Amino acid sequence: MLKRAQALFLRLLSPVIALAIAGNVSAESATRQLNMPQGVTEVSQAAYDIHMIMMWICTVIGVAVFGFMFYVMYAHRKSRGAVAANFHENHVVELIWTIVPALILIVMAIPATTALLKVYDTENADIDIKVTGYQWKWQYEYIGEGVKYMSELRTSQDEIYGRAPKGEHYLREVTEPLVIPTGKKVRFLITGNDVIHSWWVPDFGVKRDAVPGLFTAAWAKTDVPGTYVGECTELCGIGHAFMPVVVEVKEEADYNEWLAGKKAEAAEYASTIGKEWTFDELMVRGEEVYERSCAGCHQSDGNGITGVFPALKDSPIALGAKEGHIAVLIDGVAGTSMQSFADQLSEVDIAAVVHYERNAWGNDVGDITQPIDVLNYKQGQ
């Protein structure tokens, strides 16, 4: 019982530990970065510019007010024989301290309004990408291109739980980054599938909540190729710390080549739904899918965490009818943390992971789950 309690405690505490580690990294970076970053997009530059305008206005006001205050305290102190004036009100002073702040606010409002209009100018985009937040991963769909994929944390469970040394990009690496081209206005249509998430890329000046049933829009355009990292900034559950955002900006020619490759992958995938996969092929692919999408809850050895995430080793689901096992992944389990993977994993990946779970860790059911079985279940709903 004590071991189970310890395992549950570590599972619940791990996101807190991860956030603390990320906080330490950020703190170290902050010692080298005194000002906010300028970013690489028009929106982020506008945010930086308005920040600097406000900073200088506040600095001038602070120097003027405190300078005058210190001068008065020095020049009119009692030791120099100063006698306090006795007056009730001064209309000139009252007009000055009313009109001057009003003028300052007007001056500040002009660049602030200009920046806000720029932030929300999502019209006339060259590329539309739908961004969907899941617990705890992102899905990217290139509207009109037939390209859709999941972007999940690539850091291994061994690194997270201290069984292996932490890599250079610990908790900041994903299986597939979002890829956009330089010189193109990209509009992000952001929503959530389960709970509220928040998609944030600091260098783009983009932060939008991903709310189920609602789309919010943001945009980015940059001429600077590179890899830019963000994260989910809305507390969305125990895996919140394991939900990074990685965007790779490519030159337009490289982006077009990448997009053509993704379309070819989609066409190849369509041709594999009817393929008869071998037992070993499914086991290899199923293990990859399981470690990426399932091990975070059910553990790499299939034992789960008692009272939180059920074991798959020797479980009624894994040892029962194949159709019931497929149904769990397609439909999820109401009232539990088991969500539907129908839109997160392809038919091939669902078939592979079902096959793996039924034949790993000594389950040895011996049957084979093919992608066509998954497709037939979906079509029969």
Protein backbone atom coordinates (compact mmCIF):
# COMPACT_ATOMS: atom_id res chain seq x y z
CA MET A 1 0.00 0.00 0.00
CA LEU A 2 2.87 2.34 0.85
CA LYS A 3 4.51 1.73 -2.54
CA ARG A 4 1.25 2.49 -4.31
CA ALA A 5 0.88 5.72 -2.36
CA GLN A 6 4.46 6.68 -3.20
CA ALA A 7 3.89 5.98 -6.91
CA LEU A 8 0.72 8.06 -6.92
CA PHE A 9 2.47 10.90 -5.06
CA LEU A 10 5.36 10.92 -7.54
CA ARG A 11 2.95 10.89 -10.48
CA LEU A 12 1.00 13.85 -9.16
CA LEU A 13 4.14 15.72 -8.11
CA SER A 14 6.06 15.22 -11.36
CA PRO A 15 4.46 18.18 -13.21
CA VAL A 16 5.30 20.43 -10.25
CA ILE A 17 8.91 19.24 -10.33
CA ALA A 18 9.06 19.77 -14.10
CA LEU A 19 7.71 23.30 -13.76
CA ALA A 20 10.25 24.02 -11.04
CA ILE A 21 13.05 22.83 -13.30
CA ALA A 22 11.70 24.93 -16.16
CA GLY A 23 11.48 27.85 -13.76
CA ASN A 24 15.13 27.44 -12.82
CA VAL A 25 16.10 27.42 -16.48
CA SER A 26 14.04 30.55 -17.06
CA ALA A 27 15.62 32.19 -14.03
CA GLU A 28 19.08 31.48 -15.40
CA SER A 29 18.07 32.93 -18.76
CA ALA A 30 16.61 35.97 -17.05
CA THR A 31 20.00 36.83 -15.59
CA ARG A 32 21.24 37.30 -19.15
CA GLN A 33 18.08 38.94 -20.50
CA LEU A 34 17.14 42.11 -18.64
CA ASN A 35 14.57 43.36 -21.13
CA MET A 36 11.69 41.54 -22.83
CA PRO A 37 12.67 39.80 -26.11
CA GLN A 38 11.90 41.56 -29.38
CA GLY A 39 10.76 38.41 -31.16
CA VAL A 40 10.81 37.79 -34.90
CA THR A 41 7.35 38.86 -36.09
CA GLU A 42 5.58 42.14 -36.71
CA VAL A 43 3.27 41.47 -33.77
CA SER A 44 6.10 40.72 -31.35
CA GLN A 45 7.97 43.82 -32.53
CA ALA A 46 4.84 45.93 -31.97
CA ALA A 47 4.56 44.54 -28.44
CA TYR A 48 8.23 45.33 -27.79
CA ASP A 49 7.88 48.87 -29.17
CA ILE A 50 4.86 49.69 -27.03
CA HIS A 51 6.64 48.21 -24.02
CA MET A 52 9.64 50.49 -24.61
CA ILE A 53 7.44 53.57 -25.15
CA MET A 54 5.62 52.92 -21.86
CA MET A 55 8.92 52.22 -20.12
CA TRP A 56 10.44 55.55 -21.18
CA ILE A 57 7.27 57.50 -20.35
CA CYS A 58 7.20 55.93 -16.89
CA THR A 59 10.92 56.60 -16.48
CA VAL A 60 10.56 60.29 -17.36
CA ILE A 61 7.54 60.66 -15.04
CA GLY A 62 9.37 58.89 -12.23
CA VAL A 63 12.51 61.00 -12.58
CA ALA A 64 10.48 64.23 -12.77
CA VAL A 65 8.23 63.44 -9.79
CA PHE A 66 10.89 62.05 -7.49
CA GLY A 67 13.41 64.68 -8.57
CA PHE A 68 10.97 67.46 -7.73
CA MET A 69 10.03 65.77 -4.47
CA PHE A 70 13.64 65.37 -3.33
CA TYR A 71 14.44 68.97 -4.35
CA VAL A 72 11.50 70.30 -2.30
CA MET A 73 12.51 68.23 0.73
CA TYR A 74 16.09 69.51 0.45
CA ALA A 75 15.50 73.18 -0.40
CA HIS A 76 12.58 73.75 1.96
CA ARG A 77 13.61 71.81 5.02
CA LYS A 78 13.03 73.20 8.51
CA SER A 79 16.76 73.45 9.31
CA ARG A 80 17.06 76.12 6.62
CA GLY A 81 14.27 78.17 8.20
CA ALA A 82 11.56 77.23 5.73
CA VAL A 83 8.03 77.96 6.92
CA ALA A 84 5.18 75.90 5.53
CA ALA A 85 2.66 77.85 3.47
CA ASN A 86 -0.95 77.67 4.58
CA PHE A 87 -3.36 77.47 1.66
CA HIS A 88 -6.49 75.42 0.96
CA GLU A 89 -6.53 74.97 -2.80
CA ASN A 90 -4.89 76.16 -5.99
CA HIS A 91 -6.89 76.00 -9.19
CA VAL A 92 -3.84 76.24 -11.43
CA VAL A 93 -2.16 73.24 -9.77
CA GLU A 94 -5.38 71.24 -9.89
CA LEU A 95 -5.77 71.96 -13.61
CA ILE A 96 -2.15 70.98 -14.26
CA TRP A 97 -2.36 67.62 -12.43
CA THR A 98 -5.62 66.84 -14.25
CA ILE A 99 -4.71 67.94 -17.78
CA VAL A 100 -1.13 66.62 -17.90
CA PRO A 101 -2.02 62.98 -16.94
CA ALA A 102 -4.92 63.09 -19.43
CA LEU A 103 -2.54 64.19 -22.19
CA ILE A 104 -0.06 61.47 -21.21
CA LEU A 105 -2.82 58.84 -21.42
CA ILE A 106 -3.81 60.08 -24.87
CA VAL A 107 -0.19 59.93 -26.04
CA MET A 108 0.09 56.37 -24.68
CA ALA A 109 -3.24 55.31 -26.19
CA ILE A 110 -2.23 56.07 -29.78
CA PRO A 111 0.65 53.53 -30.10
CA ALA A 112 -1.20 51.05 -27.85
CA THR A 113 -4.27 51.10 -30.11
CA THR A 114 -2.09 50.77 -33.20
CA ALA A 115 -0.38 47.72 -31.70
CA LEU A 116 -3.69 46.10 -30.72
CA LEU A 117 -5.11 46.59 -34.20
CA LYS A 118 -2.02 44.87 -35.57
CA VAL A 119 -2.35 41.97 -33.12
CA TYR A 120 -5.94 41.24 -34.17
CA ASP A 121 -5.47 41.79 -37.91
CA THR A 122 -5.95 38.15 -38.97
CA GLU A 123 -7.41 38.92 -42.40
CA ASN A 124 -5.88 38.01 -45.78
CA ALA A 125 -3.77 35.11 -44.51
CA ASP A 126 -1.68 33.05 -46.94
CA ILE A 127 -1.92 29.86 -44.83
CA ASP A 128 -4.54 28.70 -42.33
CA ILE A 129 -3.57 26.20 -39.64
CA LYS A 130 -6.01 24.74 -37.14
CA VAL A 131 -4.40 24.24 -33.72
CA THR A 132 -6.22 21.91 -31.31
CA GLY A 133 -5.15 21.36 -27.71
CA TYR A 134 -5.47 17.88 -26.22
CA GLN A 135 -4.43 16.50 -22.85
CA TRP A 136 -1.45 16.77 -23.30
CA LYS A 137 -0.42 17.39 -26.87
CA TRP A 138 -1.18 19.61 -29.87
CA GLN A 139 -2.76 18.73 -33.18
CA TYR A 140 -1.97 20.76 -36.30
CA GLU A 141 -4.15 20.69 -39.42
CA TYR A 142 -3.19 22.60 -42.56
CA ILE A 143 -6.55 23.71 -43.92
CA GLY A 144 -7.07 22.74 -47.56
CA GLU A 145 -3.82 20.75 -47.76
CA GLY A 146 -4.94 17.38 -46.38
CA VAL A 147 -2.15 17.42 -43.78
CA LYS A 148 -2.91 16.77 -40.11
CA TYR A 149 -0.70 15.37 -37.35
CA MET A 150 -0.13 15.30 -33.61
CA SER A 151 2.79 17.04 -31.91
CA GLU A 152 3.67 15.28 -28.65
CA LEU A 153 6.41 15.51 -26.05
CA ARG A 154 9.46 13.54 -27.19
CA THR A 155 11.28 13.50 -23.85
CA SER A 156 11.30 9.91 -22.63
CA GLN A 157 9.62 8.70 -19.45
CA ASP A 158 13.06 7.55 -18.25
CA GLU A 159 14.33 11.14 -18.37
CA ILE A 160 11.22 12.50 -16.66
CA TYR A 161 11.41 10.02 -13.79
CA GLY A 162 15.17 10.20 -13.35
CA ARG A 163 16.01 6.78 -14.76
CA ALA A 164 18.18 8.34 -17.48
CA PRO A 165 20.22 11.56 -17.81
CA LYS A 166 18.21 14.56 -18.98
CA GLY A 167 18.86 15.58 -22.58
CA GLU A 168 19.78 19.00 -23.90
CA HIS A 169 16.17 19.81 -24.82
CA TYR A 170 14.48 18.23 -21.81
CA LEU A 171 10.70 18.93 -21.88
CA ARG A 172 11.26 21.27 -24.85
CA GLU A 173 11.24 18.71 -27.69
CA VAL A 174 8.36 17.22 -29.67
CA THR A 175 7.76 14.38 -32.08
CA GLU A 176 6.73 16.71 -34.90
CA PRO A 177 6.99 20.53 -34.74
CA LEU A 178 4.64 22.92 -36.44
CA VAL A 179 6.30 24.01 -39.70
CA ILE A 180 5.61 27.36 -41.41
CA PRO A 181 7.37 29.23 -44.24
CA THR A 182 9.16 32.56 -44.14
CA GLY A 183 7.52 35.58 -45.74
CA LYS A 184 3.96 34.22 -45.49
CA LYS A 185 1.15 35.39 -43.23
CA VAL A 186 0.04 32.34 -41.26
CA ARG A 187 -3.28 32.42 -39.42
CA PHE A 188 -3.72 30.09 -36.44
CA LEU A 189 -7.27 28.96 -35.63
CA ILE A 190 -6.97 27.76 -32.05
CA THR A 191 -9.40 25.55 -30.13
CA GLY A 192 -9.43 22.81 -27.48
CA ASN A 193 -10.72 19.26 -27.48
CA ASP A 194 -11.19 18.55 -23.78
CA VAL A 195 -10.23 21.31 -21.34
CA ILE A 196 -8.90 24.85 -21.74
CA HIS A 197 -5.30 25.03 -22.96
CA SER A 198 -3.29 28.05 -24.09
CA TRP A 199 -0.99 28.14 -27.14
CA TRP A 200 1.96 30.46 -26.54
CA VAL A 201 5.02 31.23 -28.69
CA PRO A 202 6.89 34.22 -27.15
CA ASP A 203 9.02 34.98 -30.21
CA PHE A 204 5.86 35.31 -32.31
CA GLY A 205 4.03 37.48 -29.79
CA VAL A 206 1.19 34.94 -29.90
CA LYS A 207 -0.75 33.66 -26.90
CA ARG A 208 -4.32 32.45 -27.29
CA ASP A 209 -6.51 30.26 -25.11
CA ALA A 210 -7.62 26.97 -26.70
CA VAL A 211 -11.23 26.69 -25.53
CA PRO A 212 -13.40 23.66 -26.43
CA GLY A 213 -16.21 24.70 -28.76
CA LEU A 214 -14.65 28.07 -29.55
CA PHE A 215 -12.10 29.25 -32.12
CA THR A 216 -9.73 32.11 -31.42
CA ALA A 217 -7.46 33.50 -34.12
CA ALA A 218 -3.88 34.73 -34.14
CA TRP A 219 -1.27 35.25 -36.84
CA ALA A 220 2.45 35.36 -37.49
CA LYS A 221 4.74 36.35 -40.32
CA THR A 222 8.51 36.27 -40.14
CA ASP A 223 11.52 36.34 -42.42
CA VAL A 224 13.81 34.71 -39.85
CA PRO A 225 14.19 30.91 -40.22
CA GLY A 226 14.75 28.95 -37.05
CA THR A 227 13.16 26.91 -34.29
CA TYR A 228 10.98 28.71 -31.76
CA VAL A 229 9.74 27.16 -28.55
CA GLY A 230 6.72 27.93 -26.40
CA GLU A 231 4.36 26.00 -24.16
CA CYS A 232 0.84 25.61 -22.86
CA THR A 233 0.27 28.40 -20.34
CA GLU A 234 -3.10 27.27 -18.97
CA LEU A 235 -3.09 24.75 -16.10
CA CYS A 236 -4.77 21.88 -17.95
CA GLY A 237 -4.15 18.87 -15.72
CA ILE A 238 -1.32 16.77 -14.34
CA GLY A 239 0.46 16.66 -17.73
CA HIS A 240 0.46 20.44 -18.16
CA ALA A 241 4.25 20.62 -17.79
CA PHE A 242 4.69 18.11 -20.61
CA MET A 243 2.97 20.08 -23.38
CA PRO A 244 5.57 22.19 -25.22
CA VAL A 245 4.98 24.10 -28.44
CA VAL A 246 7.74 23.92 -31.06
CA VAL A 247 7.53 25.85 -34.34
CA GLU A 248 10.08 25.46 -37.13
CA VAL A 249 10.27 28.30 -39.65
CA LYS A 250 11.70 27.21 -43.01
CA GLU A 251 12.62 29.06 -46.17
CA GLU A 252 9.71 28.88 -48.61
CA ALA A 253 11.39 26.33 -50.90
CA ASP A 254 12.23 24.07 -47.95
CA TYR A 255 8.70 24.46 -46.60
CA ASN A 256 7.17 23.47 -49.95
CA GLU A 257 9.41 20.41 -50.02
CA TRP A 258 8.36 19.50 -46.47
CA LEU A 259 4.66 19.97 -47.29
CA ALA A 260 4.98 17.77 -50.38
CA GLY A 261 6.58 15.12 -48.18
CA LYS A 262 3.71 15.29 -45.67
CA LYS A 263 1.18 14.93 -48.46
CA ALA A 264 3.07 11.92 -49.76
CA GLU A 265 2.99 10.45 -46.24
CA ALA A 266 -0.78 10.95 -46.12
CA ALA A 267 -1.18 9.19 -49.47
CA GLU A 268 1.07 6.35 -48.34
CA TYR A 269 -0.90 6.03 -45.11
CA ALA A 270 -4.17 5.78 -47.06
CA SER A 271 -2.69 2.88 -48.99
CA THR A 272 -1.69 1.04 -45.79
CA ILE A 273 -5.18 0.88 -44.25
CA GLY A 274 -5.98 -2.22 -46.30
CA LYS A 275 -2.48 -3.70 -45.92
CA GLU A 276 -2.10 -6.98 -44.06
CA TRP A 277 0.48 -6.14 -41.39
CA THR A 278 2.53 -8.93 -39.88
CA PHE A 279 2.53 -9.72 -36.17
CA ASP A 280 6.07 -8.37 -35.69
CA GLU A 281 5.47 -5.22 -37.76
CA LEU A 282 2.51 -4.33 -35.56
CA MET A 283 4.49 -5.03 -32.38
CA VAL A 284 7.32 -2.70 -33.43
CA ARG A 285 5.02 0.14 -34.46
CA GLY A 286 2.67 -0.47 -31.53
CA GLU A 287 5.49 -0.13 -29.01
CA GLU A 288 6.51 3.21 -30.55
CA VAL A 289 2.93 4.51 -30.37
CA TYR A 290 2.45 3.20 -26.83
CA GLU A 291 5.62 4.85 -25.49
CA ARG A 292 4.65 8.13 -27.14
CA SER A 293 0.94 8.29 -26.36
CA CYS A 294 0.09 5.80 -23.61
CA ALA A 295 3.06 5.17 -21.31
CA GLY A 296 2.66 8.51 -19.57
CA CYS A 297 -0.48 7.17 -17.87
CA HIS A 298 -0.28 3.38 -18.04
CA GLN A 299 3.52 3.20 -17.54
CA SER A 300 6.04 1.53 -19.82
CA ASP A 301 5.59 -1.85 -18.15
CA GLY A 302 1.79 -1.74 -18.49
CA ASN A 303 1.20 -1.75 -14.72
CA GLY A 304 -0.44 1.69 -14.56
CA ILE A 305 -0.90 3.46 -11.21
CA THR A 306 -3.39 1.85 -8.87
CA GLY A 307 -6.43 4.01 -8.26
CA VAL A 308 -5.46 6.52 -10.95
CA PHE A 309 -4.60 4.81 -14.23
CA PRO A 310 -5.58 1.14 -14.67
CA ALA A 311 -3.03 -1.52 -15.56
CA LEU A 312 -3.11 -2.97 -19.07
CA LYS A 313 -1.04 -5.97 -18.10
CA ASP A 314 -3.44 -8.86 -17.37
CA SER A 315 -6.37 -6.45 -17.74
CA PRO A 316 -9.88 -7.54 -18.87
CA ILE A 317 -9.69 -5.04 -21.73
CA ALA A 318 -6.40 -6.33 -23.14
CA LEU A 319 -7.35 -9.98 -22.63
CA GLY A 320 -10.96 -9.60 -23.76
CA ALA A 321 -12.61 -9.24 -27.15
CA LYS A 322 -10.63 -7.32 -29.75
CA GLU A 323 -13.67 -5.21 -30.70
CA GLY A 324 -14.06 -4.02 -27.10
CA HIS A 325 -10.40 -3.05 -26.94
CA ILE A 326 -10.71 -1.04 -30.15
CA ALA A 327 -13.88 0.61 -28.80
CA VAL A 328 -12.00 1.93 -25.75
CA LEU A 329 -9.49 3.78 -27.93
CA ILE A 330 -12.08 5.04 -30.39
CA ASP A 331 -14.77 6.10 -27.90
CA GLY A 332 -12.81 6.68 -24.69
CA VAL A 333 -14.31 5.81 -21.30
CA ALA A 334 -16.86 8.26 -19.91
CA GLY A 335 -16.14 9.58 -16.42
CA THR A 336 -12.44 8.66 -16.55
CA SER A 337 -9.20 10.15 -17.85
CA MET A 338 -9.36 7.82 -20.86
CA GLN A 339 -10.19 10.12 -23.76
CA SER A 340 -11.04 9.22 -27.32
CA PHE A 341 -8.05 8.72 -29.61
CA ALA A 342 -10.17 8.53 -32.77
CA ASP A 343 -8.92 11.91 -33.98
CA GLN A 344 -5.48 11.71 -32.39
CA LEU A 345 -4.14 8.46 -33.84
CA SER A 346 -4.51 7.03 -37.32
CA GLU A 347 -6.23 3.71 -37.97
CA VAL A 348 -2.79 2.16 -38.43
CA ASP A 349 -1.49 3.50 -35.11
CA ILE A 350 -4.64 2.48 -33.22
CA ALA A 351 -4.45 -1.04 -34.66
CA ALA A 352 -0.75 -1.26 -33.82
CA VAL A 353 -1.12 -0.09 -30.22
CA VAL A 354 -4.12 -2.38 -29.60
CA HIS A 355 -2.12 -5.29 -31.01
CA TYR A 356 0.88 -4.37 -28.84
CA GLU A 357 -1.17 -4.07 -25.64
CA ARG A 358 -2.76 -7.49 -26.28
CA ASN A 359 0.56 -9.20 -26.84
CA ALA A 360 3.05 -7.40 -24.56
CA TRP A 361 4.00 -7.88 -20.88
CA GLY A 362 2.93 -11.52 -20.94
CA ASN A 363 -0.63 -10.87 -22.15
CA ASP A 364 0.08 -13.04 -25.22
CA VAL A 365 -3.48 -13.09 -26.59
CA GLY A 366 -2.01 -14.07 -29.92
CA ASP A 367 -4.55 -12.38 -32.21
CA ILE A 368 -3.73 -9.69 -34.77
CA THR A 369 -5.46 -6.31 -35.03
CA GLN A 370 -5.35 -4.85 -38.53
CA PRO A 371 -6.02 -1.20 -39.54
CA ILE A 372 -9.06 -2.35 -41.51
CA ASP A 373 -10.57 -3.62 -38.24
CA VAL A 374 -10.34 -0.11 -36.80
CA LEU A 375 -11.77 1.46 -39.97
CA ASN A 376 -14.67 -1.01 -39.97
CA TYR A 377 -15.45 -0.16 -36.34
CA LYS A 378 -15.49 3.56 -37.11
CA GLN A 379 -17.72 3.11 -40.14
CA GLY A 380 -20.08 0.88 -38.17
CA GLN A 381 -20.74 3.51 -35.51
